[in-house]
Amino acid sequence: MVDKVLTANRLTDGVAVWLNAAGQWTTSLQEAIVARHAEAVDALEQIGKQSYADNKVVDVNVVEVKETNGVIWPLRLRERIRAEGPTMEYAANYRAADPEFIAV
């Protein structure tokens, strides 16, 4: 089985967030809890459904990741961009994503 994390967008501002081990939504992918078996993925999905029902987040998804040397890497480019930010500088306080992190 491929490792997975739970991601969503915060309802208040649309920022990408990930569920951490404390059950909180964090803006850092590296703080996300990683599900390594089917039962853990099922638990993440249930938490996501409840967070959606509680109007905390929208667009809840379980996404595939791999962990290398303690760094969580989403397998899909879309998720790497969501984790790191935009691919170019476009506004104050928004830095461009690390090109090595989002490289295919």
C-alpha atoms as a PDB file:
ATOM      1  CA  MET A   1       0.000   0.000   0.000  1.00  0.00           C
ATOM      2  CA  VAL A   2       1.123   3.556  -0.719  1.00  0.00           C
ATOM      3  CA  ASP A   3       1.325   5.938   2.252  1.00  0.00           C
ATOM      4  CA  LYS A   4      -1.362   8.629   2.377  1.00  0.00           C
ATOM      5  CA  VAL A   5      -2.178  11.915   4.092  1.00  0.00           C
ATOM      6  CA  LEU A   6      -5.422  13.843   4.458  1.00  0.00           C
ATOM      7  CA  THR A   7      -5.585  17.262   2.836  1.00  0.00           C
ATOM      8  CA  ALA A   8      -8.254  19.907   2.370  1.00  0.00           C
ATOM      9  CA  ASN A   9      -8.718  23.618   2.010  1.00  0.00           C
ATOM     10  CA  ARG A  10      -9.530  25.719   5.055  1.00  0.00           C
ATOM     11  CA  LEU A  11     -13.060  27.074   4.751  1.00  0.00           C
ATOM     12  CA  THR A  12     -12.198  30.529   6.105  1.00  0.00           C
ATOM     13  CA  ASP A  13      -9.556  31.444   3.518  1.00  0.00           C
ATOM     14  CA  GLY A  14      -9.061  28.525   1.092  1.00  0.00           C
ATOM     15  CA  VAL A  15      -5.496  27.799   2.226  1.00  0.00           C
ATOM     16  CA  ALA A  16      -4.306  24.198   1.712  1.00  0.00           C
ATOM     17  CA  VAL A  17      -4.109  22.269   4.990  1.00  0.00           C
ATOM     18  CA  TRP A  18      -3.164  18.769   6.162  1.00  0.00           C
ATOM     19  CA  LEU A  19      -4.324  16.794   9.180  1.00  0.00           C
ATOM     20  CA  ASN A  20      -1.672  16.293  11.867  1.00  0.00           C
ATOM     21  CA  ALA A  21      -1.360  13.637  14.594  1.00  0.00           C
ATOM     22  CA  ALA A  22      -3.167  15.885  17.095  1.00  0.00           C
ATOM     23  CA  GLY A  23      -6.225  15.966  14.823  1.00  0.00           C
ATOM     24  CA  GLN A  24      -5.636  19.593  13.893  1.00  0.00           C
ATOM     25  CA  TRP A  25      -5.454  21.086  10.412  1.00  0.00           C
ATOM     26  CA  THR A  26      -1.984  22.503   9.729  1.00  0.00           C
ATOM     27  CA  THR A  27      -0.591  24.495   6.814  1.00  0.00           C
ATOM     28  CA  SER A  28       2.582  22.356   6.827  1.00  0.00           C
ATOM     29  CA  LEU A  29       2.556  19.096   4.878  1.00  0.00           C
ATOM     30  CA  GLN A  30       5.610  18.021   6.880  1.00  0.00           C
ATOM     31  CA  GLU A  31       3.471  17.973  10.052  1.00  0.00           C
ATOM     32  CA  ALA A  32       0.822  15.701   8.492  1.00  0.00           C
ATOM     33  CA  ILE A  33       0.035  12.305   9.957  1.00  0.00           C
ATOM     34  CA  VAL A  34       0.891   9.570   7.457  1.00  0.00           C
ATOM     35  CA  ALA A  35      -1.483   6.615   7.078  1.00  0.00           C
ATOM     36  CA  ARG A  36       0.441   3.437   6.322  1.00  0.00           C
ATOM     37  CA  HIS A  37      -2.383   0.872   6.238  1.00  0.00           C
ATOM     38  CA  ALA A  38      -6.009   0.630   5.089  1.00  0.00           C
ATOM     39  CA  GLU A  39      -7.534   1.071   8.554  1.00  0.00           C
ATOM     40  CA  ALA A  40      -5.589   4.300   9.066  1.00  0.00           C
ATOM     41  CA  VAL A  41      -6.747   5.605   5.682  1.00  0.00           C
ATOM     42  CA  ASP A  42     -10.351   4.788   6.626  1.00  0.00           C
ATOM     43  CA  ALA A  43      -9.905   6.738   9.864  1.00  0.00           C
ATOM     44  CA  LEU A  44      -8.516   9.731   7.969  1.00  0.00           C
ATOM     45  CA  GLU A  45     -11.467   9.645   5.578  1.00  0.00           C
ATOM     46  CA  GLN A  46     -13.923   9.666   8.494  1.00  0.00           C
ATOM     47  CA  ILE A  47     -12.131  12.611  10.116  1.00  0.00           C
ATOM     48  CA  GLY A  48     -12.235  14.443   6.790  1.00  0.00           C
ATOM     49  CA  LYS A  49     -15.979  13.851   6.408  1.00  0.00           C
ATOM     50  CA  GLN A  50     -16.598  15.131   9.926  1.00  0.00           C
ATOM     51  CA  SER A  51     -14.416  18.217   9.423  1.00  0.00           C
ATOM     52  CA  TYR A  52     -16.332  18.954   6.233  1.00  0.00           C
ATOM     53  CA  ALA A  53     -19.674  18.486   8.028  1.00  0.00           C
ATOM     54  CA  ASP A  54     -18.443  20.811  10.799  1.00  0.00           C
ATOM     55  CA  ASN A  55     -17.643  23.501   8.175  1.00  0.00           C
ATOM     56  CA  LYS A  56     -13.946  23.535   8.990  1.00  0.00           C
ATOM     57  CA  VAL A  57     -12.644  22.512   5.551  1.00  0.00           C
ATOM     58  CA  VAL A  58     -13.718  21.865   1.957  1.00  0.00           C
ATOM     59  CA  ASP A  59     -12.318  19.748  -0.886  1.00  0.00           C
ATOM     60  CA  VAL A  60     -11.188  16.975   1.478  1.00  0.00           C
ATOM     61  CA  ASN A  61      -8.950  14.335  -0.145  1.00  0.00           C
ATOM     62  CA  VAL A  62      -6.665  11.498   0.823  1.00  0.00           C
ATOM     63  CA  VAL A  63      -3.515  11.837  -1.281  1.00  0.00           C
ATOM     64  CA  GLU A  64      -0.626   9.479  -1.942  1.00  0.00           C
ATOM     65  CA  VAL A  65       2.783  10.382  -0.550  1.00  0.00           C
ATOM     66  CA  LYS A  66       6.174   8.837  -0.002  1.00  0.00           C
ATOM     67  CA  GLU A  67       8.484   9.598   2.886  1.00  0.00           C
ATOM     68  CA  THR A  68      12.175   9.901   2.118  1.00  0.00           C
ATOM     69  CA  ASN A  69      14.718  10.780   4.808  1.00  0.00           C
ATOM     70  CA  GLY A  70      11.924  12.161   6.995  1.00  0.00           C
ATOM     71  CA  VAL A  71      10.495  14.377   4.230  1.00  0.00           C
ATOM     72  CA  ILE A  72       6.945  13.797   2.983  1.00  0.00           C
ATOM     73  CA  TRP A  73       6.665  14.060  -0.822  1.00  0.00           C
ATOM     74  CA  PRO A  74       3.256  14.006  -2.536  1.00  0.00           C
ATOM     75  CA  LEU A  75       3.291  11.760  -5.605  1.00  0.00           C
ATOM     76  CA  ARG A  76       1.164  14.117  -7.722  1.00  0.00           C
ATOM     77  CA  LEU A  77       2.515  17.438  -8.967  1.00  0.00           C
ATOM     78  CA  ARG A  78      -0.731  19.193  -8.023  1.00  0.00           C
ATOM     79  CA  GLU A  79      -0.255  18.223  -4.385  1.00  0.00           C
ATOM     80  CA  ARG A  80       3.410  19.271  -4.356  1.00  0.00           C
ATOM     81  CA  ILE A  81       2.369  22.707  -5.616  1.00  0.00           C
ATOM     82  CA  ARG A  82      -0.409  22.915  -3.006  1.00  0.00           C
ATOM     83  CA  ALA A  83       2.120  21.995  -0.302  1.00  0.00           C
ATOM     84  CA  GLU A  84       4.826  24.440  -1.356  1.00  0.00           C
ATOM     85  CA  GLY A  85       2.874  27.367  -2.727  1.00  0.00           C
ATOM     86  CA  PRO A  86       2.678  28.964  -6.149  1.00  0.00           C
ATOM     87  CA  THR A  87       5.195  28.151  -8.858  1.00  0.00           C
ATOM     88  CA  MET A  88       6.151  31.821  -9.212  1.00  0.00           C
ATOM     89  CA  GLU A  89       6.209  34.928  -7.037  1.00  0.00           C
ATOM     90  CA  TYR A  90       3.006  36.824  -7.604  1.00  0.00           C
ATOM     91  CA  ALA A  91       2.068  38.762  -4.470  1.00  0.00           C
ATOM     92  CA  ALA A  92       3.558  40.111  -1.286  1.00  0.00           C
ATOM     93  CA  ASN A  93       4.011  37.456   1.428  1.00  0.00           C
ATOM     94  CA  TYR A  94       3.743  34.594  -1.093  1.00  0.00           C
ATOM     95  CA  ARG A  95       7.081  33.091  -2.011  1.00  0.00           C
ATOM     96  CA  ALA A  96       7.545  30.839  -4.992  1.00  0.00           C
ATOM     97  CA  ALA A  97       7.694  27.092  -4.381  1.00  0.00           C
ATOM     98  CA  ASP A  98      11.033  25.338  -4.095  1.00  0.00           C
ATOM     99  CA  PRO A  99      11.642  24.101  -7.673  1.00  0.00           C
ATOM    100  CA  GLU A 100      13.345  20.926  -6.427  1.00  0.00           C
ATOM    101  CA  PHE A 101      10.333  20.007  -4.278  1.00  0.00           C
ATOM    102  CA  ILE A 102       7.862  20.351  -7.133  1.00  0.00           C
ATOM    103  CA  ALA A 103      10.129  18.917  -9.834  1.00  0.00           C
ATOM    104  CA  VAL A 104       8.657  15.954 -11.665  1.00  0.00           C
END
